[in-house]
Protein backbone atom coordinates (compact mmCIF):
# COMPACT_ATOMS: atom_id res chain seq x y z
CA MET A 1 -2.74 8.56 -24.45
CA SER A 2 -3.85 10.82 -21.27
CA MET A 3 -3.14 9.61 -17.80
CA ASN A 4 -6.54 8.69 -15.91
CA PRO A 5 -7.27 11.84 -13.71
CA PHE A 6 -7.70 9.67 -10.73
CA CYS A 7 -4.16 8.33 -11.19
CA GLU A 8 -2.96 12.02 -11.56
CA ILE A 9 -4.36 12.64 -8.13
CA ALA A 10 -2.88 9.72 -6.88
CA LEU A 11 0.64 10.63 -8.34
CA GLU A 12 0.27 14.12 -6.85
CA GLU A 13 -0.18 13.16 -3.33
CA ALA A 14 2.77 10.61 -3.64
CA LEU A 15 4.76 14.00 -4.86
CA LYS A 16 3.53 15.92 -1.99
CA ILE A 17 4.81 13.13 0.24
CA LYS A 18 7.95 13.08 -0.81
CA GLU A 19 8.45 16.60 -1.16
CA SER A 20 7.13 16.67 3.26
CA GLY A 21 10.28 14.36 3.36
CA LEU A 22 8.05 11.52 4.55
CA ALA A 23 9.33 9.46 1.27
CA LYS A 24 12.65 8.62 -0.07
CA GLU A 25 11.12 7.80 -3.85
CA VAL A 26 8.26 7.72 -6.03
CA VAL A 27 7.83 5.37 -8.55
CA ALA A 28 5.18 5.26 -11.30
CA VAL A 29 3.39 1.94 -12.82
CA THR A 30 1.75 1.70 -15.97
CA MET A 31 0.47 -1.23 -17.76
CA GLY A 32 -0.81 -2.12 -21.23
CA PRO A 33 0.52 -1.37 -24.70
CA SER A 34 3.60 -0.01 -25.59
CA ASN A 35 2.27 3.35 -26.30
CA CYS A 36 1.62 3.26 -22.74
CA VAL A 37 4.71 4.54 -22.19
CA ASP A 38 3.78 8.43 -23.04
CA THR A 39 1.64 8.63 -20.29
CA LEU A 40 4.41 7.29 -18.21
CA ARG A 41 6.18 9.92 -19.40
CA THR A 42 3.83 12.40 -18.39
CA GLY A 43 3.91 10.75 -14.61
CA LEU A 44 7.60 11.12 -14.57
CA ALA A 45 7.62 15.18 -15.84
CA MET A 46 5.20 15.89 -12.69
CA GLY A 47 8.02 14.62 -10.65
CA ALA A 48 7.88 10.77 -10.26
CA ASP A 49 11.73 9.36 -9.61
CA ARG A 50 11.36 6.47 -12.31
CA GLY A 51 8.66 4.17 -13.88
CA ILE A 52 7.73 0.49 -14.40
CA HIS A 53 6.13 -0.43 -17.60
CA VAL A 54 4.44 -3.66 -17.80
CA GLU A 55 3.65 -4.32 -21.24
CA ALA A 56 0.54 -6.40 -21.71
CA ALA A 57 -1.29 -6.52 -25.13
CA ARG A 58 -4.42 -7.84 -24.25
CA ASP A 59 -6.97 -5.81 -22.51
CA LEU A 60 -6.36 -6.35 -18.44
CA VAL A 61 -9.02 -7.19 -15.99
CA PRO A 62 -8.97 -5.18 -12.56
CA LEU A 63 -8.02 -8.72 -10.75
CA SER A 64 -4.94 -9.34 -13.54
CA VAL A 65 -4.22 -5.68 -12.68
CA ALA A 66 -4.09 -6.57 -9.16
CA LYS A 67 -2.10 -9.90 -9.24
CA VAL A 68 0.66 -7.83 -11.70
CA LEU A 69 1.07 -5.20 -8.67
CA LYS A 70 1.24 -7.59 -6.00
CA LYS A 71 4.58 -9.11 -7.66
CA LEU A 72 5.88 -5.40 -8.33
CA VAL A 73 5.37 -5.02 -4.26
CA GLU A 74 7.43 -7.83 -3.67
CA VAL A 75 10.00 -6.36 -6.23
CA GLU A 76 10.06 -3.17 -5.23
CA ASN A 77 9.05 -3.34 -1.36
CA PRO A 78 6.84 0.33 -1.45
CA GLY A 79 6.08 1.62 2.14
CA LEU A 80 2.64 2.83 0.71
CA LEU A 81 0.78 1.90 -2.46
CA ILE A 82 -1.45 4.81 -3.86
CA LEU A 83 -4.04 4.12 -6.76
CA GLY A 84 -6.61 6.12 -8.57
CA LYS A 85 -9.94 5.11 -7.17
CA GLN A 86 -11.29 3.75 -10.41
CA ALA A 87 -10.89 3.31 -13.81
CA ILE A 88 -12.43 5.86 -16.29
CA ASP A 89 -13.35 3.78 -19.38
CA ASP A 90 -15.41 1.06 -17.30
CA ASP A 91 -15.63 3.11 -14.29
CA CYS A 92 -14.57 -0.47 -12.42
CA ASN A 93 -13.62 0.58 -8.89
CA GLN A 94 -11.80 -3.02 -7.73
CA THR A 95 -8.07 -2.79 -8.25
CA GLY A 96 -7.12 -1.05 -5.21
CA GLN A 97 -9.68 -3.35 -3.18
CA MET A 98 -8.02 -6.48 -4.44
CA ILE A 99 -4.48 -5.63 -4.25
CA ALA A 100 -5.14 -5.20 -0.53
CA ALA A 101 -6.80 -8.23 -0.32
CA LEU A 102 -3.89 -9.95 -2.22
CA LEU A 103 -1.23 -8.07 -0.13
CA GLY A 104 -3.33 -8.29 3.11
CA TRP A 105 -2.61 -4.76 3.61
CA PRO A 106 -4.98 -2.32 5.17
CA GLN A 107 -6.72 -0.22 2.78
CA GLY A 108 -8.54 3.27 2.94
CA THR A 109 -10.34 4.27 -0.30
CA PHE A 110 -12.04 7.08 -1.57
CA ALA A 111 -9.27 9.32 0.06
CA SER A 112 -10.07 12.80 0.34
CA LYS A 113 -7.22 13.31 3.04
CA VAL A 114 -3.91 11.84 3.58
CA VAL A 115 -2.01 12.46 6.65
CA LEU A 116 1.32 10.07 7.17
CA ASP A 117 2.97 9.38 10.71
CA LYS A 118 6.29 8.34 9.87
CA GLU A 119 7.58 7.75 13.41
CA LYS A 120 4.10 6.03 14.16
CA GLN A 121 4.20 4.02 10.90
CA VAL A 122 0.42 5.02 10.19
CA ALA A 123 -1.82 7.03 7.66
CA THR A 124 -4.76 8.77 8.69
CA VAL A 125 -7.12 8.79 6.06
CA ASP A 126 -10.30 10.99 5.34
CA ARG A 127 -13.01 9.30 3.10
CA GLU A 128 -16.31 10.57 1.83
CA VAL A 129 -19.12 8.35 2.57
CA ASP A 130 -23.23 8.82 2.25
CA GLY A 131 -23.30 10.24 5.87
CA GLY A 132 -20.21 12.31 5.81
CA LEU A 133 -16.49 11.79 6.65
CA GLU A 134 -15.26 8.87 7.73
CA THR A 135 -11.49 8.90 9.53
CA LEU A 136 -9.08 5.47 9.24
CA CYS A 137 -6.28 5.23 10.75
CA LEU A 138 -3.81 2.48 8.46
CA ASP A 139 -0.79 0.53 9.86
CA LEU A 140 1.69 0.96 7.29
CA PRO A 141 2.40 -0.48 4.50
CA ALA A 142 -1.17 0.26 3.33
CA VAL A 143 -2.95 0.77 0.10
CA ILE A 144 -4.99 4.07 -0.47
CA THR A 145 -7.19 4.85 -3.31
CA THR A 146 -7.70 8.44 -4.18
CA ASP A 147 -10.91 10.58 -5.00
CA LEU A 148 -11.42 14.11 -6.68
CA ARG A 149 -11.28 16.34 -3.88
CA LEU A 150 -7.82 15.08 -2.17
CA ASN A 151 -5.57 17.58 -4.22
CA GLN A 152 -4.96 19.67 -7.48
CA PRO A 153 -2.65 17.68 -9.75
CA ARG A 154 0.40 20.10 -10.83
CA TYR A 155 1.21 20.80 -14.52
CA ALA A 156 4.44 19.37 -15.68
CA THR A 157 6.94 22.10 -16.76
CA LEU A 158 8.76 22.31 -19.85
CA PRO A 159 12.00 21.56 -18.14
CA ASN A 160 10.68 18.47 -16.26
CA ILE A 161 9.26 17.27 -19.88
CA MET A 162 12.75 17.27 -20.95
CA LYS A 163 13.98 15.91 -17.57
CA ALA A 164 11.36 13.13 -17.78
CA LYS A 165 13.14 11.91 -21.20
CA SER A 166 16.32 10.75 -19.72
CA LYS A 167 14.73 9.12 -16.29
CA PRO A 168 14.48 5.49 -16.17
CA ILE A 169 11.59 3.07 -17.25
CA LYS A 170 12.04 -0.43 -16.37
CA LYS A 171 10.08 -3.04 -18.24
CA TYR A 172 8.30 -6.24 -17.76
CA THR A 173 6.12 -8.42 -19.48
CA PRO A 174 3.48 -10.64 -17.39
CA GLU A 175 5.24 -13.89 -17.84
CA GLU A 176 8.46 -12.29 -16.18
CA LEU A 177 6.52 -11.67 -13.35
CA ASN A 178 4.74 -14.97 -13.34
CA VAL A 179 1.37 -13.63 -13.64
CA GLU A 180 -1.29 -14.99 -16.29
CA ILE A 181 -3.33 -12.66 -17.93
CA LYS A 182 -6.98 -13.70 -18.17
CA SER A 183 -10.45 -12.65 -18.01
CA ASP A 184 -12.54 -13.75 -15.35
CA LEU A 185 -15.66 -12.05 -17.24
CA GLU A 186 -17.20 -11.96 -20.45
CA VAL A 187 -18.77 -9.08 -21.90
CA VAL A 188 -22.18 -10.33 -23.59
CA GLN A 189 -23.37 -7.14 -25.02
CA VAL A 190 -23.03 -3.09 -24.90
CA THR A 191 -26.14 -1.23 -26.07
CA GLU A 192 -26.80 2.68 -26.18
CA PRO A 193 -29.66 3.83 -23.69
CA PRO A 194 -32.92 4.36 -26.19
CA LYS A 195 -33.02 7.80 -28.30
CA ARG A 196 -35.42 10.47 -26.85
CA LYS A 197 -38.29 11.60 -28.86
CA ALA A 198 -37.78 15.06 -30.74
CA GLY A 199 -39.15 17.85 -28.60
CA VAL A 200 -42.07 19.81 -30.13
CA ILE A 201 -42.84 23.52 -30.36
CA LEU A 202 -46.03 24.52 -29.02
CA SER A 203 -47.83 27.68 -30.03
CA SER A 204 -49.99 28.65 -26.95
CA VAL A 205 -50.58 27.56 -23.03
CA ASP A 206 -53.91 25.69 -23.95
CA GLU A 207 -52.25 23.78 -26.20
CA LEU A 208 -49.39 22.64 -23.82
CA ILE A 209 -51.97 22.03 -21.45
CA ASP A 210 -53.91 19.58 -23.49
CA LYS A 211 -50.88 17.99 -24.53
CA LEU A 212 -50.05 17.51 -20.56
CA LYS A 213 -53.54 16.18 -19.98
CA ASN A 214 -54.27 13.97 -23.02
CA GLU A 215 -50.99 12.54 -24.20
CA ALA A 216 -48.68 12.54 -20.99
CA HIS A 217 -51.48 11.88 -18.62
CA VAL A 218 -49.74 14.39 -16.01
CA ILE A 219 -52.72 16.39 -15.14
């Protein structure tokens, strides 16, 4: 199981913040079945200090993930929460916004640049919008979701992959965090787009013009 590329970018940004001296620790979190630990180990090999695995057998919708994260924030008391901007299976772009709302924290979504000021306890976030770049100043603690242009994630080196095996992973269940996992939506149907008709090979320009005129009706 591979890591969501948006989450890789979020983790890379967290590691850069720690390496710059603006954070003491990076904690990576994953939720899902037992094989999610493999993805968590990848995060630890990239440089995260420790991991948290919330084991849940059933599918997790964004609101459930946000509720679990809220409980973990109450336990861990982080100064900054960084997430990928969206899932890559269903393309949901909701969890970051939901966790910010549940916590009552400011949010900077689709971040393409992040600058922290530890003294003033603020984060400046550049985010890409339709009209160009929007710059936000957020009081910490805050929630930031990451876009593709924020950074280039590092590769885990072999020595760090070996070290990751001994890094601690704390396990929880949703029940231990007092979170009920339920779906607030129902997938009614999933259908493939209609298949395109096979193309044809024409023998002359005259034949092409004839088909464009009499079949496609575009000339």
